[in-house]
Amino acid sequence: TWMQVLVCRTLLGLCLGAVPATAMAYVADAVPGHKMSSAMGLYVAG
């Protein structure tokens, strides 16, 4: 049913919400400052 599709897609979004800020924080800690722009650009390219 359409409602089942929407429920699954909502739960998918709840899971993915943990990723963007976590990914950016990971990059900020793991990559030197002078490589930050290129690293963030590569993430956005992904």
PDB file of all heavy atoms in Angstrom:
ATOM      1  N   THR A   1       0.843  -1.199   0.000  1.00  0.00           N
ATOM      2  CA  THR A   1       0.000   0.000   0.000  1.00  0.00           C
ATOM      3  C   THR A   1       0.873   1.242   0.000  1.00  0.00           C
ATOM      4  O   THR A   1       2.068   1.191   0.358  1.00  0.00           O
ATOM      5  CB  THR A   1      -0.935   0.028   1.230  1.00  0.00           C
ATOM      6  OG1 THR A   1      -0.132   0.199   2.422  1.00  0.00           O
ATOM      7  CG2 THR A   1      -1.737  -1.269   1.329  1.00  0.00           C
ATOM      8  N   TRP A   2       0.264   2.357  -0.366  1.00  0.00           N
ATOM      9  CA  TRP A   2       0.990   3.621  -0.381  1.00  0.00           C
ATOM     10  C   TRP A   2       1.432   4.022   1.027  1.00  0.00           C
ATOM     11  O   TRP A   2       2.532   4.534   1.224  1.00  0.00           O
ATOM     12  CB  TRP A   2       0.116   4.708  -0.998  1.00  0.00           C
ATOM     13  CG  TRP A   2       0.752   6.066  -1.064  1.00  0.00           C
ATOM     14  CD1 TRP A   2       0.277   7.226  -0.553  1.00  0.00           C
ATOM     15  CD2 TRP A   2       1.986   6.406  -1.727  1.00  0.00           C
ATOM     16  NE1 TRP A   2       1.138   8.271  -0.831  1.00  0.00           N
ATOM     17  CE2 TRP A   2       2.189   7.786  -1.559  1.00  0.00           C
ATOM     18  CE3 TRP A   2       2.931   5.660  -2.446  1.00  0.00           C
ATOM     19  CZ2 TRP A   2       3.292   8.447  -2.063  1.00  0.00           C
ATOM     20  CZ3 TRP A   2       4.048   6.317  -2.953  1.00  0.00           C
ATOM     21  CH2 TRP A   2       4.216   7.695  -2.757  1.00  0.00           C
ATOM     22  N   MET A   3       0.606   3.757   2.032  1.00  0.00           N
ATOM     23  CA  MET A   3       0.960   4.088   3.403  1.00  0.00           C
ATOM     24  C   MET A   3       2.185   3.295   3.861  1.00  0.00           C
ATOM     25  O   MET A   3       3.056   3.823   4.555  1.00  0.00           O
ATOM     26  CB  MET A   3      -0.222   3.812   4.336  1.00  0.00           C
ATOM     27  CG  MET A   3       0.036   4.221   5.788  1.00  0.00           C
ATOM     28  SD  MET A   3       0.479   5.976   5.949  1.00  0.00           S
ATOM     29  CE  MET A   3      -1.056   6.755   5.389  1.00  0.00           C
ATOM     30  N   GLN A   4       2.274   2.035   3.465  1.00  0.00           N
ATOM     31  CA  GLN A   4       3.444   1.234   3.821  1.00  0.00           C
ATOM     32  C   GLN A   4       4.715   1.793   3.178  1.00  0.00           C
ATOM     33  O   GLN A   4       5.778   1.824   3.806  1.00  0.00           O
ATOM     34  CB  GLN A   4       3.231  -0.224   3.392  1.00  0.00           C
ATOM     35  CG  GLN A   4       2.185  -0.963   4.197  1.00  0.00           C
ATOM     36  CD  GLN A   4       1.906  -2.359   3.652  1.00  0.00           C
ATOM     37  OE1 GLN A   4       2.429  -2.757   2.611  1.00  0.00           O
ATOM     38  NE2 GLN A   4       1.052  -3.103   4.342  1.00  0.00           N
ATOM     39  N   VAL A   5       4.590   2.236   1.927  1.00  0.00           N
ATOM     40  CA  VAL A   5       5.736   2.865   1.267  1.00  0.00           C
ATOM     41  C   VAL A   5       6.198   4.086   2.049  1.00  0.00           C
ATOM     42  O   VAL A   5       7.400   4.272   2.309  1.00  0.00           O
ATOM     43  CB  VAL A   5       5.381   3.260  -0.182  1.00  0.00           C
ATOM     44  CG1 VAL A   5       6.515   4.076  -0.808  1.00  0.00           C
ATOM     45  CG2 VAL A   5       5.100   2.032  -1.032  1.00  0.00           C
ATOM     46  N   LEU A   6       5.251   4.931   2.452  1.00  0.00           N
ATOM     47  CA  LEU A   6       5.598   6.158   3.162  1.00  0.00           C
ATOM     48  C   LEU A   6       6.225   5.873   4.519  1.00  0.00           C
ATOM     49  O   LEU A   6       7.163   6.567   4.943  1.00  0.00           O
ATOM     50  CB  LEU A   6       4.358   7.034   3.322  1.00  0.00           C
ATOM     51  CG  LEU A   6       3.747   7.584   2.029  1.00  0.00           C
ATOM     52  CD1 LEU A   6       2.557   8.489   2.343  1.00  0.00           C
ATOM     53  CD2 LEU A   6       4.786   8.341   1.203  1.00  0.00           C
ATOM     54  N   VAL A   7       5.719   4.867   5.227  1.00  0.00           N
ATOM     55  CA  VAL A   7       6.294   4.514   6.530  1.00  0.00           C
ATOM     56  C   VAL A   7       7.743   4.062   6.370  1.00  0.00           C
ATOM     57  O   VAL A   7       8.641   4.495   7.114  1.00  0.00           O
ATOM     58  CB  VAL A   7       5.447   3.416   7.212  1.00  0.00           C
ATOM     59  CG1 VAL A   7       6.189   2.861   8.435  1.00  0.00           C
ATOM     60  CG2 VAL A   7       4.099   3.968   7.646  1.00  0.00           C
ATOM     61  N   CYS A   8       7.996   3.196   5.400  1.00  0.00           N
ATOM     62  CA  CYS A   8       9.356   2.710   5.170  1.00  0.00           C
ATOM     63  C   CYS A   8      10.291   3.836   4.749  1.00  0.00           C
ATOM     64  O   CYS A   8      11.445   3.911   5.205  1.00  0.00           O
ATOM     65  CB  CYS A   8       9.358   1.607   4.105  1.00  0.00           C
ATOM     66  SG  CYS A   8       8.568   0.074   4.627  1.00  0.00           S
ATOM     67  N   ARG A   9       9.802   4.721   3.887  1.00  0.00           N
ATOM     68  CA  ARG A   9      10.639   5.845   3.453  1.00  0.00           C
ATOM     69  C   ARG A   9      10.910   6.824   4.594  1.00  0.00           C
ATOM     70  O   ARG A   9      11.986   7.415   4.672  1.00  0.00           O
ATOM     71  CB  ARG A   9       9.951   6.561   2.284  1.00  0.00           C
ATOM     72  CG  ARG A   9       9.880   5.755   1.005  1.00  0.00           C
ATOM     73  CD  ARG A   9      11.248   5.521   0.407  1.00  0.00           C
ATOM     74  NE  ARG A   9      11.918   6.774   0.101  1.00  0.00           N
ATOM     75  CZ  ARG A   9      13.162   6.871  -0.341  1.00  0.00           C
ATOM     76  NH1 ARG A   9      13.884   5.781  -0.517  1.00  0.00           N
ATOM     77  NH2 ARG A   9      13.699   8.038  -0.604  1.00  0.00           N
ATOM     78  N   THR A  10       9.952   6.984   5.507  1.00  0.00           N
ATOM     79  CA  THR A  10      10.169   7.850   6.668  1.00  0.00           C
ATOM     80  C   THR A  10      11.229   7.251   7.588  1.00  0.00           C
ATOM     81  O   THR A  10      12.132   7.957   8.068  1.00  0.00           O
ATOM     82  CB  THR A  10       8.855   8.044   7.442  1.00  0.00           C
ATOM     83  OG1 THR A  10       7.884   8.631   6.581  1.00  0.00           O
ATOM     84  CG2 THR A  10       9.067   8.951   8.647  1.00  0.00           C
ATOM     85  N   LEU A  11      11.146   5.950   7.838  1.00  0.00           N
ATOM     86  CA  LEU A  11      12.146   5.288   8.672  1.00  0.00           C
ATOM     87  C   LEU A  11      13.525   5.340   8.018  1.00  0.00           C
ATOM     88  O   LEU A  11      14.546   5.481   8.703  1.00  0.00           O
ATOM     89  CB  LEU A  11      11.725   3.840   8.926  1.00  0.00           C
ATOM     90  CG  LEU A  11      10.471   3.665   9.801  1.00  0.00           C
ATOM     91  CD1 LEU A  11      10.045   2.202   9.841  1.00  0.00           C
ATOM     92  CD2 LEU A  11      10.709   4.203  11.213  1.00  0.00           C
ATOM     93  N   LEU A  12      13.566   5.224   6.699  1.00  0.00           N
ATOM     94  CA  LEU A  12      14.832   5.363   5.976  1.00  0.00           C
ATOM     95  C   LEU A  12      15.437   6.737   6.224  1.00  0.00           C
ATOM     96  O   LEU A  12      16.639   6.872   6.494  1.00  0.00           O
ATOM     97  CB  LEU A  12      14.598   5.129   4.482  1.00  0.00           C
ATOM     98  CG  LEU A  12      15.777   5.309   3.523  1.00  0.00           C
ATOM     99  CD1 LEU A  12      15.664   4.332   2.362  1.00  0.00           C
ATOM    100  CD2 LEU A  12      15.838   6.735   2.966  1.00  0.00           C
ATOM    101  N   GLY A  13      14.598   7.781   6.162  1.00  0.00           N
ATOM    102  CA  GLY A  13      15.094   9.136   6.409  1.00  0.00           C
ATOM    103  C   GLY A  13      15.599   9.322   7.828  1.00  0.00           C
ATOM    104  O   GLY A  13      16.614  10.003   8.054  1.00  0.00           O
ATOM    105  N   LEU A  14      14.917   8.717   8.806  1.00  0.00           N
ATOM    106  CA  LEU A  14      15.365   8.807  10.200  1.00  0.00           C
ATOM    107  C   LEU A  14      16.754   8.203  10.365  1.00  0.00           C
ATOM    108  O   LEU A  14      17.597   8.732  11.097  1.00  0.00           O
ATOM    109  CB  LEU A  14      14.370   8.099  11.115  1.00  0.00           C
ATOM    110  CG  LEU A  14      13.022   8.797  11.343  1.00  0.00           C
ATOM    111  CD1 LEU A  14      12.090   7.900  12.138  1.00  0.00           C
ATOM    112  CD2 LEU A  14      13.226  10.132  12.064  1.00  0.00           C
ATOM    113  N   CYS A  15      17.004   7.094   9.683  1.00  0.00           N
ATOM    114  CA  CYS A  15      18.330   6.469   9.750  1.00  0.00           C
ATOM    115  C   CYS A  15      19.391   7.352   9.101  1.00  0.00           C
ATOM    116  O   CYS A  15      20.464   7.590   9.673  1.00  0.00           O
ATOM    117  CB  CYS A  15      18.307   5.106   9.075  1.00  0.00           C
ATOM    118  SG  CYS A  15      17.315   3.865   9.917  1.00  0.00           S
ATOM    119  N   LEU A  16      19.084   7.850   7.907  1.00  0.00           N
ATOM    120  CA  LEU A  16      20.074   8.653   7.179  1.00  0.00           C
ATOM    121  C   LEU A  16      20.367   9.979   7.860  1.00  0.00           C
ATOM    122  O   LEU A  16      21.406  10.596   7.612  1.00  0.00           O
ATOM    123  CB  LEU A  16      19.593   8.899   5.746  1.00  0.00           C
ATOM    124  CG  LEU A  16      19.547   7.677   4.828  1.00  0.00           C
ATOM    125  CD1 LEU A  16      19.050   8.076   3.444  1.00  0.00           C
ATOM    126  CD2 LEU A  16      20.921   7.010   4.725  1.00  0.00           C
ATOM    127  N   GLY A  17      19.461  10.445   8.733  1.00  0.00           N
ATOM    128  CA  GLY A  17      19.694  11.715   9.422  1.00  0.00           C
ATOM    129  C   GLY A  17      20.928  11.711  10.295  1.00  0.00           C
ATOM    130  O   GLY A  17      21.492  12.775  10.590  1.00  0.00           O
ATOM    131  N   ALA A  18      21.378  10.521  10.702  1.00  0.00           N
ATOM    132  CA  ALA A  18      22.577  10.439  11.538  1.00  0.00           C
ATOM    133  C   ALA A  18      23.856  10.582  10.719  1.00  0.00           C
ATOM    134  O   ALA A  18      24.944  10.701  11.301  1.00  0.00           O
ATOM    135  CB  ALA A  18      22.598   9.110  12.291  1.00  0.00           C
ATOM    136  N   VAL A  19      23.747  10.574   9.382  1.00  0.00           N
ATOM    137  CA  VAL A  19      24.954  10.493   8.555  1.00  0.00           C
ATOM    138  C   VAL A  19      25.577  11.852   8.208  1.00  0.00           C
ATOM    139  O   VAL A  19      26.782  12.033   8.412  1.00  0.00           O
ATOM    140  CB  VAL A  19      24.673   9.693   7.265  1.00  0.00           C
ATOM    141  CG1 VAL A  19      25.915   9.648   6.374  1.00  0.00           C
ATOM    142  CG2 VAL A  19      24.235   8.280   7.614  1.00  0.00           C
ATOM    143  N   PRO A  20      24.824  12.858   7.670  1.00  0.00           N
ATOM    144  CA  PRO A  20      25.502  14.059   7.164  1.00  0.00           C
ATOM    145  C   PRO A  20      26.353  14.790   8.195  1.00  0.00           C
ATOM    146  O   PRO A  20      27.528  15.085   7.949  1.00  0.00           O
ATOM    147  CB  PRO A  20      24.332  14.933   6.680  1.00  0.00           C
ATOM    148  CG  PRO A  20      23.243  13.968   6.369  1.00  0.00           C
ATOM    149  CD  PRO A  20      23.379  12.885   7.382  1.00  0.00           C
ATOM    150  N   ALA A  21      25.763  15.126   9.360  1.00  0.00           N
ATOM    151  CA  ALA A  21      26.529  15.848  10.376  1.00  0.00           C
ATOM    152  C   ALA A  21      27.675  14.986  10.903  1.00  0.00           C
ATOM    153  O   ALA A  21      28.775  15.492  11.186  1.00  0.00           O
ATOM    154  CB  ALA A  21      25.609  16.271  11.520  1.00  0.00           C
ATOM    155  N   THR A  22      27.436  13.681  11.042  1.00  0.00           N
ATOM    156  CA  THR A  22      28.482  12.766  11.503  1.00  0.00           C
ATOM    157  C   THR A  22      29.634  12.730  10.500  1.00  0.00           C
ATOM    158  O   THR A  22      30.810  12.760  10.885  1.00  0.00           O
ATOM    159  CB  THR A  22      27.914  11.349  11.684  1.00  0.00           C
ATOM    160  OG1 THR A  22      26.798  11.400  12.568  1.00  0.00           O
ATOM    161  CG2 THR A  22      28.963  10.414  12.255  1.00  0.00           C
ATOM    162  N   ALA A  23      29.293  12.663   9.218  1.00  0.00           N
ATOM    163  CA  ALA A  23      30.330  12.620   8.183  1.00  0.00           C
ATOM    164  C   ALA A  23      31.156  13.900   8.190  1.00  0.00           C
ATOM    165  O   ALA A  23      32.394  13.854   8.107  1.00  0.00           O
ATOM    166  CB  ALA A  23      29.685  12.411   6.815  1.00  0.00           C
ATOM    167  N   MET A  24      30.492  15.048   8.296  1.00  0.00           N
ATOM    168  CA  MET A  24      31.219  16.322   8.300  1.00  0.00           C
ATOM    169  C   MET A  24      32.110  16.449   9.533  1.00  0.00           C
ATOM    170  O   MET A  24      33.237  16.946   9.457  1.00  0.00           O
ATOM    171  CB  MET A  24      30.227  17.484   8.220  1.00  0.00           C
ATOM    172  CG  MET A  24      29.540  17.607   6.873  1.00  0.00           C
ATOM    173  SD  MET A  24      28.444  19.035   6.761  1.00  0.00           S
ATOM    174  CE  MET A  24      27.895  18.893   5.059  1.00  0.00           C
ATOM    175  N   ALA A  25      31.602  15.989  10.694  1.00  0.00           N
ATOM    176  CA  ALA A  25      32.406  16.036  11.914  1.00  0.00           C
ATOM    177  C   ALA A  25      33.602  15.091  11.804  1.00  0.00           C
ATOM    178  O   ALA A  25      34.708  15.407  12.264  1.00  0.00           O
ATOM    179  CB  ALA A  25      31.537  15.671  13.115  1.00  0.00           C
ATOM    180  N   TYR A  26      33.394  13.929  11.201  1.00  0.00           N
ATOM    181  CA  TYR A  26      34.486  12.974  11.014  1.00  0.00           C
ATOM    182  C   TYR A  26      35.581  13.599  10.146  1.00  0.00           C
ATOM    183  O   TYR A  26      36.771  13.518  10.473  1.00  0.00           O
ATOM    184  CB  TYR A  26      33.956  11.696  10.372  1.00  0.00           C
ATOM    185  CG  TYR A  26      34.986  10.588  10.251  1.00  0.00           C
ATOM    186  CD1 TYR A  26      35.006   9.532  11.155  1.00  0.00           C
ATOM    187  CD2 TYR A  26      35.936  10.599   9.232  1.00  0.00           C
ATOM    188  CE1 TYR A  26      35.952   8.514  11.049  1.00  0.00           C
ATOM    189  CE2 TYR A  26      36.887   9.597   9.123  1.00  0.00           C
ATOM    190  CZ  TYR A  26      36.890   8.557  10.032  1.00  0.00           C
ATOM    191  OH  TYR A  26      37.835   7.566   9.926  1.00  0.00           O
ATOM    192  N   VAL A  27      35.172  14.210   9.033  1.00  0.00           N
ATOM    193  CA  VAL A  27      36.146  14.848   8.139  1.00  0.00           C
ATOM    194  C   VAL A  27      36.894  15.962   8.855  1.00  0.00           C
ATOM    195  O   VAL A  27      38.118  16.104   8.725  1.00  0.00           O
ATOM    196  CB  VAL A  27      35.436  15.393   6.881  1.00  0.00           C
ATOM    197  CG1 VAL A  27      36.384  16.257   6.054  1.00  0.00           C
ATOM    198  CG2 VAL A  27      34.913  14.241   6.028  1.00  0.00           C
ATOM    199  N   ALA A  28      36.161  16.771   9.654  1.00  0.00           N
ATOM    200  CA  ALA A  28      36.785  17.890  10.353  1.00  0.00           C
ATOM    201  C   ALA A  28      37.869  17.418  11.317  1.00  0.00           C
ATOM    202  O   ALA A  28      38.883  18.092  11.508  1.00  0.00           O
ATOM    203  CB  ALA A  28      35.723  18.684  11.111  1.00  0.00           C
ATOM    204  N   ASP A  29      37.667  16.252  11.932  1.00  0.00           N
ATOM    205  CA  ASP A  29      38.647  15.731  12.881  1.00  0.00           C
ATOM    206  C   ASP A  29      39.762  14.943  12.203  1.00  0.00           C
ATOM    207  O   ASP A  29      40.889  14.903  12.703  1.00  0.00           O
ATOM    208  CB  ASP A  29      37.957  14.809  13.902  1.00  0.00           C
ATOM    209  CG  ASP A  29      37.145  15.594  14.925  1.00  0.00           C
ATOM    210  OD1 ASP A  29      37.319  16.820  15.000  1.00  0.00           O
ATOM    211  OD2 ASP A  29      36.314  14.974  15.619  1.00  0.00           O
ATOM    212  N   ALA A  30      39.469  14.314  11.085  1.00  0.00           N
ATOM    213  CA  ALA A  30      40.426  13.390  10.478  1.00  0.00           C
ATOM    214  C   ALA A  30      41.329  14.031   9.430  1.00  0.00           C
ATOM    215  O   ALA A  30      42.412  13.516   9.164  1.00  0.00           O
ATOM    216  CB  ALA A  30      39.682  12.206   9.856  1.00  0.00           C
ATOM    217  N   VAL A  31      40.873  15.138   8.831  1.00  0.00           N
ATOM    218  CA  VAL A  31      41.606  15.738   7.705  1.00  0.00           C
ATOM    219  C   VAL A  31      42.221  17.068   8.137  1.00  0.00           C
ATOM    220  O   VAL A  31      41.553  17.872   8.794  1.00  0.00           O
ATOM    221  CB  VAL A  31      40.652  15.950   6.504  1.00  0.00           C
ATOM    222  CG1 VAL A  31      41.373  16.628   5.358  1.00  0.00           C
ATOM    223  CG2 VAL A  31      40.082  14.608   6.056  1.00  0.00           C
ATOM    224  N   PRO A  32      43.484  17.323   7.795  1.00  0.00           N
ATOM    225  CA  PRO A  32      44.101  18.608   8.138  1.00  0.00           C
ATOM    226  C   PRO A  32      43.344  19.789   7.540  1.00  0.00           C
ATOM    227  O   PRO A  32      42.681  19.655   6.499  1.00  0.00           O
ATOM    228  CB  PRO A  32      45.505  18.492   7.518  1.00  0.00           C
ATOM    229  CG  PRO A  32      45.746  17.028   7.368  1.00  0.00           C
ATOM    230  CD  PRO A  32      44.408  16.411   7.117  1.00  0.00           C
ATOM    231  N   GLY A  33      43.459  20.931   8.186  1.00  0.00           N
ATOM    232  CA  GLY A  33      42.696  22.111   7.773  1.00  0.00           C
ATOM    233  C   GLY A  33      42.927  22.515   6.338  1.00  0.00           C
ATOM    234  O   GLY A  33      41.980  22.918   5.645  1.00  0.00           O
ATOM    235  N   HIS A  34      44.163  22.398   5.844  1.00  0.00           N
ATOM    236  CA  HIS A  34      44.449  22.849   4.484  1.00  0.00           C
ATOM    237  C   HIS A  34      43.840  21.925   3.427  1.00  0.00           C
ATOM    238  O   HIS A  34      43.788  22.279   2.247  1.00  0.00           O
ATOM    239  CB  HIS A  34      45.955  22.979   4.265  1.00  0.00           C
ATOM    240  CG  HIS A  34      46.699  21.670   4.290  1.00  0.00           C
ATOM    241  ND1 HIS A  34      47.025  21.019   5.469  1.00  0.00           N
ATOM    242  CD2 HIS A  34      47.174  20.887   3.287  1.00  0.00           C
ATOM    243  CE1 HIS A  34      47.669  19.904   5.192  1.00  0.00           C
ATOM    244  NE2 HIS A  34      47.777  19.794   3.876  1.00  0.00           N
ATOM    245  N   LYS A  35      43.397  20.734   3.845  1.00  0.00           N
ATOM    246  CA  LYS A  35      42.749  19.810   2.917  1.00  0.00           C
ATOM    247  C   LYS A  35      41.244  19.731   3.130  1.00  0.00           C
ATOM    248  O   LYS A  35      40.555  18.920   2.504  1.00  0.00           O
ATOM    249  CB  LYS A  35      43.357  18.404   3.053  1.00  0.00           C
ATOM    250  CG  LYS A  35      44.786  18.296   2.542  1.00  0.00           C
ATOM    251  CD  LYS A  35      45.267  16.865   2.611  1.00  0.00           C
ATOM    252  CE  LYS A  35      46.647  16.721   1.991  1.00  0.00           C
ATOM    253  NZ  LYS A  35      46.630  16.936   0.534  1.00  0.00           N
ATOM    254  N   MET A  36      40.714  20.589   4.016  1.00  0.00           N
ATOM    255  CA  MET A  36      39.309  20.508   4.387  1.00  0.00           C
ATOM    256  C   MET A  36      38.380  20.781   3.203  1.00  0.00           C
ATOM    257  O   MET A  36      37.414  20.059   2.980  1.00  0.00           O
ATOM    258  CB  MET A  36      39.002  21.496   5.516  1.00  0.00           C
ATOM    259  CG  MET A  36      37.597  21.395   6.077  1.00  0.00           C
ATOM    260  SD  MET A  36      37.373  19.884   7.010  1.00  0.00           S
ATOM    261  CE  MET A  36      38.474  20.196   8.376  1.00  0.00           C
ATOM    262  N   SER A  37      38.668  21.833   2.435  1.00  0.00           N
ATOM    263  CA  SER A  37      37.786  22.199   1.325  1.00  0.00           C
ATOM    264  C   SER A  37      37.722  21.090   0.278  1.00  0.00           C
ATOM    265  O   SER A  37      36.639  20.742  -0.208  1.00  0.00           O
ATOM    266  CB  SER A  37      38.257  23.505   0.679  1.00  0.00           C
ATOM    267  OG  SER A  37      38.116  24.588   1.573  1.00  0.00           O
ATOM    268  N   SER A  38      38.873  20.510  -0.051  1.00  0.00           N
ATOM    269  CA  SER A  38      38.874  19.453  -1.061  1.00  0.00           C
ATOM    270  C   SER A  38      38.183  18.198  -0.531  1.00  0.00           C
ATOM    271  O   SER A  38      37.466  17.513  -1.273  1.00  0.00           O
ATOM    272  CB  SER A  38      40.302  19.127  -1.492  1.00  0.00           C
ATOM    273  OG  SER A  38      41.077  18.690  -0.390  1.00  0.00           O
ATOM    274  N   ALA A  39      38.378  17.892   0.762  1.00  0.00           N
ATOM    275  CA  ALA A  39      37.728  16.716   1.341  1.00  0.00           C
ATOM    276  C   ALA A  39      36.210  16.888   1.374  1.00  0.00           C
ATOM    277  O   ALA A  39      35.456  15.964   1.057  1.00  0.00           O
ATOM    278  CB  ALA A  39      38.262  16.459   2.751  1.00  0.00           C
ATOM    279  N   MET A  40      35.746  18.089   1.759  1.00  0.00           N
ATOM    280  CA  MET A  40      34.309  18.334   1.798  1.00  0.00           C
ATOM    281  C   MET A  40      33.731  18.339   0.392  1.00  0.00           C
ATOM    282  O   MET A  40      32.629  17.840   0.154  1.00  0.00           O
ATOM    283  CB  MET A  40      34.016  19.674   2.487  1.00  0.00           C
ATOM    284  CG  MET A  40      32.597  19.811   2.994  1.00  0.00           C
ATOM    285  SD  MET A  40      32.174  18.575   4.248  1.00  0.00           S
ATOM    286  CE  MET A  40      33.135  19.167   5.628  1.00  0.00           C
ATOM    287  N   GLY A  41      34.492  18.889  -0.555  1.00  0.00           N
ATOM    288  CA  GLY A  41      34.039  18.869  -1.937  1.00  0.00           C
ATOM    289  C   GLY A  41      33.913  17.460  -2.474  1.00  0.00           C
ATOM    290  O   GLY A  41      32.988  17.141  -3.232  1.00  0.00           O
ATOM    291  N   LEU A  42      34.832  16.559  -2.054  1.00  0.00           N
ATOM    292  CA  LEU A  42      34.762  15.170  -2.503  1.00  0.00           C
ATOM    293  C   LEU A  42      33.548  14.469  -1.902  1.00  0.00           C
ATOM    294  O   LEU A  42      32.895  13.656  -2.564  1.00  0.00           O
ATOM    295  CB  LEU A  42      36.043  14.440  -2.119  1.00  0.00           C
ATOM    296  CG  LEU A  42      36.300  13.092  -2.811  1.00  0.00           C
ATOM    297  CD1 LEU A  42      36.378  13.273  -4.321  1.00  0.00           C
ATOM    298  CD2 LEU A  42      37.604  12.474  -2.297  1.00  0.00           C
ATOM    299  N   TYR A  43      33.232  14.792  -0.651  1.00  0.00           N
ATOM    300  CA  TYR A  43      32.034  14.214  -0.027  1.00  0.00           C
ATOM    301  C   TYR A  43      30.780  14.663  -0.781  1.00  0.00           C
ATOM    302  O   TYR A  43      29.896  13.852  -1.086  1.00  0.00           O
ATOM    303  CB  TYR A  43      31.952  14.636   1.436  1.00  0.00           C
ATOM    304  CG  TYR A  43      30.621  14.325   2.090  1.00  0.00           C
ATOM    305  CD1 TYR A  43      30.274  13.016   2.414  1.00  0.00           C
ATOM    306  CD2 TYR A  43      29.716  15.340   2.367  1.00  0.00           C
ATOM    307  CE1 TYR A  43      29.050  12.726   3.001  1.00  0.00           C
ATOM    308  CE2 TYR A  43      28.492  15.060   2.953  1.00  0.00           C
ATOM    309  CZ  TYR A  43      28.163  13.754   3.272  1.00  0.00           C
ATOM    310  OH  TYR A  43      26.950  13.483   3.846  1.00  0.00           O
ATOM    311  N   VAL A  44      30.696  15.959  -1.088  1.00  0.00           N
ATOM    312  CA  VAL A  44      29.548  16.471  -1.840  1.00  0.00           C
ATOM    313  C   VAL A  44      29.506  15.858  -3.235  1.00  0.00           C
ATOM    314  O   VAL A  44      28.433  15.559  -3.777  1.00  0.00           O
ATOM    315  CB  VAL A  44      29.576  18.014  -1.902  1.00  0.00           C
ATOM    316  CG1 VAL A  44      28.448  18.547  -2.781  1.00  0.00           C
ATOM    317  CG2 VAL A  44      29.452  18.612  -0.501  1.00  0.00           C
ATOM    318  N   ALA A  45      30.695  15.641  -3.848  1.00  0.00           N
ATOM    319  CA  ALA A  45      30.735  14.975  -5.151  1.00  0.00           C
ATOM    320  C   ALA A  45      30.165  13.562  -5.049  1.00  0.00           C
ATOM    321  O   ALA A  45      29.470  13.092  -5.957  1.00  0.00           O
ATOM    322  CB  ALA A  45      32.170  14.927  -5.677  1.00  0.00           C
ATOM    323  N   GLY A  46      30.439  12.884  -3.932  1.00  0.00           N
ATOM    324  CA  GLY A  46      29.863  11.561  -3.719  1.00  0.00           C
ATOM    325  C   GLY A  46      28.347  11.613  -3.628  1.00  0.00           C
ATOM    326  O   GLY A  46      27.655  10.737  -4.166  1.00  0.00           O
TER     327      GLY A  46
END
